[in-house]
Amino acid sequence: MILTEQETMLLNDLKQQEELCRDKYAFYSSEAKDPELKQLFEVIQKEEAEHYDTISSLLSGDTPDVGIAAPKNYQPKAAYHASSENADKKHDALLCSDSISSEKYVSSAYNNDLFSFASPKVRQILNHIQTEEQQHAEMIYRYKTANQMA
């Protein structure tokens, strides 16, 4: 696959975003107080690393098979109660809000860039990643809701 200059530029930007997300989730995981949230961030961090690798493959001319983004049926367990307003809950709520903000931004970047690519296969791959980014935000939102943070 041969990429245009614009396609290469867009993929490099998306690769940087995925690298940032991967690194942020590694940080969030190390900082989360609740073990459930820590595990959720670890799962998302691995998926962000896969996105980074996929974009790297596209930049090298490969078109990896990503399949279909399966819906996530994440059902978090509550660690915090509605009446608890302790520092750990506030800390974890901040991590969740920041991560949802990042997911919104990255999903939007994919949405804006998707149709700048001539290859239907590349558009399919980018759409797959965008769907997973939206699912990440959904899972974090479910965690916030279960823990009376939303």
Protein backbone atom coordinates (compact mmCIF):
# COMPACT_ATOMS: atom_id res chain seq x y z
CA MET A 1 0.00 0.00 0.00
CA ILE A 2 1.30 3.43 -0.91
CA LEU A 3 0.17 6.32 1.25
CA THR A 4 -0.16 9.92 0.15
CA GLU A 5 1.67 12.65 2.05
CA GLN A 6 -1.58 13.69 3.72
CA GLU A 7 -2.44 10.11 4.71
CA THR A 8 1.03 9.65 6.18
CA MET A 9 0.72 12.89 8.14
CA LEU A 10 -2.70 11.89 9.52
CA LEU A 11 -1.48 8.42 10.49
CA ASN A 12 1.56 9.88 12.24
CA ASP A 13 -0.76 12.15 14.23
CA LEU A 14 -3.03 9.23 15.13
CA LYS A 15 0.03 7.18 16.10
CA GLN A 16 1.11 9.95 18.49
CA GLN A 17 -2.39 10.02 19.98
CA GLU A 18 -2.32 6.25 20.50
CA GLU A 19 1.11 6.46 22.10
CA LEU A 20 -0.17 9.14 24.47
CA CYS A 21 -3.26 7.08 25.31
CA ARG A 22 -1.14 3.97 25.92
CA ASP A 23 1.15 5.91 28.25
CA LYS A 24 -1.74 7.67 30.02
CA TYR A 25 -3.49 4.37 30.76
CA ALA A 26 -0.27 2.90 32.12
CA PHE A 27 -0.08 5.94 34.39
CA TYR A 28 -3.79 5.79 35.31
CA SER A 29 -3.40 2.12 36.19
CA SER A 30 -0.48 2.85 38.49
CA GLU A 31 -2.39 5.71 40.15
CA ALA A 32 -5.87 4.18 40.52
CA LYS A 33 -6.84 3.40 44.10
CA ASP A 34 -9.60 0.88 43.35
CA PRO A 35 -8.29 -2.49 42.07
CA GLU A 36 -11.30 -2.78 39.70
CA LEU A 37 -10.42 0.55 38.09
CA LYS A 38 -6.74 -0.36 37.98
CA GLN A 39 -7.62 -3.54 36.07
CA LEU A 40 -9.93 -1.66 33.69
CA PHE A 41 -7.14 0.80 32.88
CA GLU A 42 -4.75 -2.12 32.26
CA VAL A 43 -7.18 -3.69 29.77
CA ILE A 44 -7.62 -0.40 27.94
CA GLN A 45 -3.86 0.25 27.96
CA LYS A 46 -3.32 -3.06 26.15
CA GLU A 47 -5.90 -2.15 23.53
CA GLU A 48 -4.29 1.27 23.05
CA ALA A 49 -0.96 -0.51 22.52
CA GLU A 50 -2.65 -2.66 19.86
CA HIS A 51 -3.97 0.49 18.18
CA TYR A 52 -0.46 1.95 18.20
CA ASP A 53 0.88 -1.23 16.57
CA THR A 54 -1.91 -1.21 13.97
CA ILE A 55 -1.19 2.39 12.98
CA SER A 56 2.54 1.56 12.82
CA SER A 57 1.71 -1.31 10.47
CA LEU A 58 -0.31 1.00 8.24
CA LEU A 59 2.59 3.44 8.12
CA SER A 60 4.90 0.63 7.01
CA GLY A 61 2.53 -0.25 4.16
CA ASP A 62 0.75 -3.22 5.70
CA THR A 63 -3.01 -3.50 6.16
CA PRO A 64 -3.53 -5.76 9.18
CA ASP A 65 -6.74 -7.68 9.64
CA VAL A 66 -8.53 -6.25 12.67
CA GLY A 67 -11.86 -8.03 12.37
CA ILE A 68 -14.96 -6.49 13.86
CA ALA A 69 -14.95 -4.51 17.09
CA ALA A 70 -16.96 -6.72 19.42
CA PRO A 71 -19.23 -4.95 21.91
CA LYS A 72 -17.84 -4.85 25.41
CA ASN A 73 -20.18 -6.16 28.08
CA TYR A 74 -18.31 -4.62 30.99
CA GLN A 75 -20.24 -4.72 34.26
CA PRO A 76 -18.14 -3.05 36.97
CA LYS A 77 -18.39 -3.82 40.65
CA ALA A 78 -18.92 -0.83 42.90
CA ALA A 79 -16.08 -0.01 45.26
CA TYR A 80 -17.45 3.34 46.36
CA HIS A 81 -20.88 4.19 47.68
CA ALA A 82 -23.00 7.25 47.02
CA SER A 83 -22.38 8.60 50.48
CA SER A 84 -18.61 8.11 50.39
CA GLU A 85 -16.74 11.27 49.54
CA ASN A 86 -13.26 10.16 50.50
CA ALA A 87 -10.04 11.22 48.81
CA ASP A 88 -9.61 7.90 46.97
CA LYS A 89 -13.04 8.20 45.34
CA LYS A 90 -12.33 11.79 44.27
CA HIS A 91 -8.92 10.76 42.95
CA ASP A 92 -10.34 7.85 40.91
CA ALA A 93 -13.21 10.03 39.65
CA LEU A 94 -10.66 12.54 38.32
CA LEU A 95 -8.76 9.77 36.52
CA CYS A 96 -12.02 8.56 34.98
CA SER A 97 -13.09 12.02 33.85
CA ASP A 98 -9.70 12.73 32.33
CA SER A 99 -9.63 9.41 30.51
CA ILE A 100 -13.13 9.91 29.09
CA SER A 101 -12.02 13.32 27.84
CA SER A 102 -9.04 11.71 26.11
CA GLU A 103 -11.25 9.06 24.52
CA LYS A 104 -13.63 11.71 23.20
CA TYR A 105 -10.75 13.59 21.63
CA VAL A 106 -9.16 10.54 20.03
CA SER A 107 -12.49 9.22 18.74
CA SER A 108 -13.15 12.62 17.21
CA ALA A 109 -9.73 12.59 15.53
CA TYR A 110 -10.54 9.26 13.89
CA ASN A 111 -13.94 10.56 12.85
CA ASN A 112 -12.38 13.64 11.22
CA ASP A 113 -9.57 11.73 9.50
CA LEU A 114 -11.39 8.60 8.38
CA PHE A 115 -12.58 9.80 4.98
CA SER A 116 -9.24 11.33 4.04
CA PHE A 117 -8.04 7.84 3.10
CA ALA A 118 -8.55 6.41 -0.37
CA SER A 119 -8.31 2.77 0.70
CA PRO A 120 -11.55 1.19 1.93
CA LYS A 121 -9.45 -1.29 3.94
CA VAL A 122 -7.67 1.54 5.78
CA ARG A 123 -10.99 3.26 6.45
CA GLN A 124 -12.32 -0.04 7.86
CA ILE A 125 -9.29 -0.34 10.16
CA LEU A 126 -9.62 3.25 11.36
CA ASN A 127 -13.35 2.79 11.92
CA HIS A 128 -12.59 -0.33 13.98
CA ILE A 129 -10.19 1.64 16.19
CA GLN A 130 -12.65 4.52 16.53
CA THR A 131 -15.34 2.08 17.69
CA GLU A 132 -12.98 0.68 20.31
CA GLU A 133 -12.16 4.19 21.52
CA GLN A 134 -15.86 4.83 22.01
CA GLN A 135 -16.17 1.54 23.87
CA HIS A 136 -13.35 2.58 26.20
CA ALA A 137 -15.25 5.73 27.13
CA GLU A 138 -18.41 3.66 27.63
CA MET A 139 -16.67 1.23 29.99
CA ILE A 140 -15.20 4.06 32.05
CA TYR A 141 -18.58 5.77 32.17
CA ARG A 142 -20.13 2.50 33.43
CA TYR A 143 -17.48 2.36 36.15
CA LYS A 144 -18.26 5.95 37.14
CA THR A 145 -21.99 5.23 37.23
CA ALA A 146 -21.58 2.06 39.31
CA ASN A 147 -19.45 4.02 41.77
CA GLN A 148 -21.80 7.00 42.02
CA MET A 149 -19.31 9.30 40.29
CA ALA A 150 -21.35 10.29 37.24
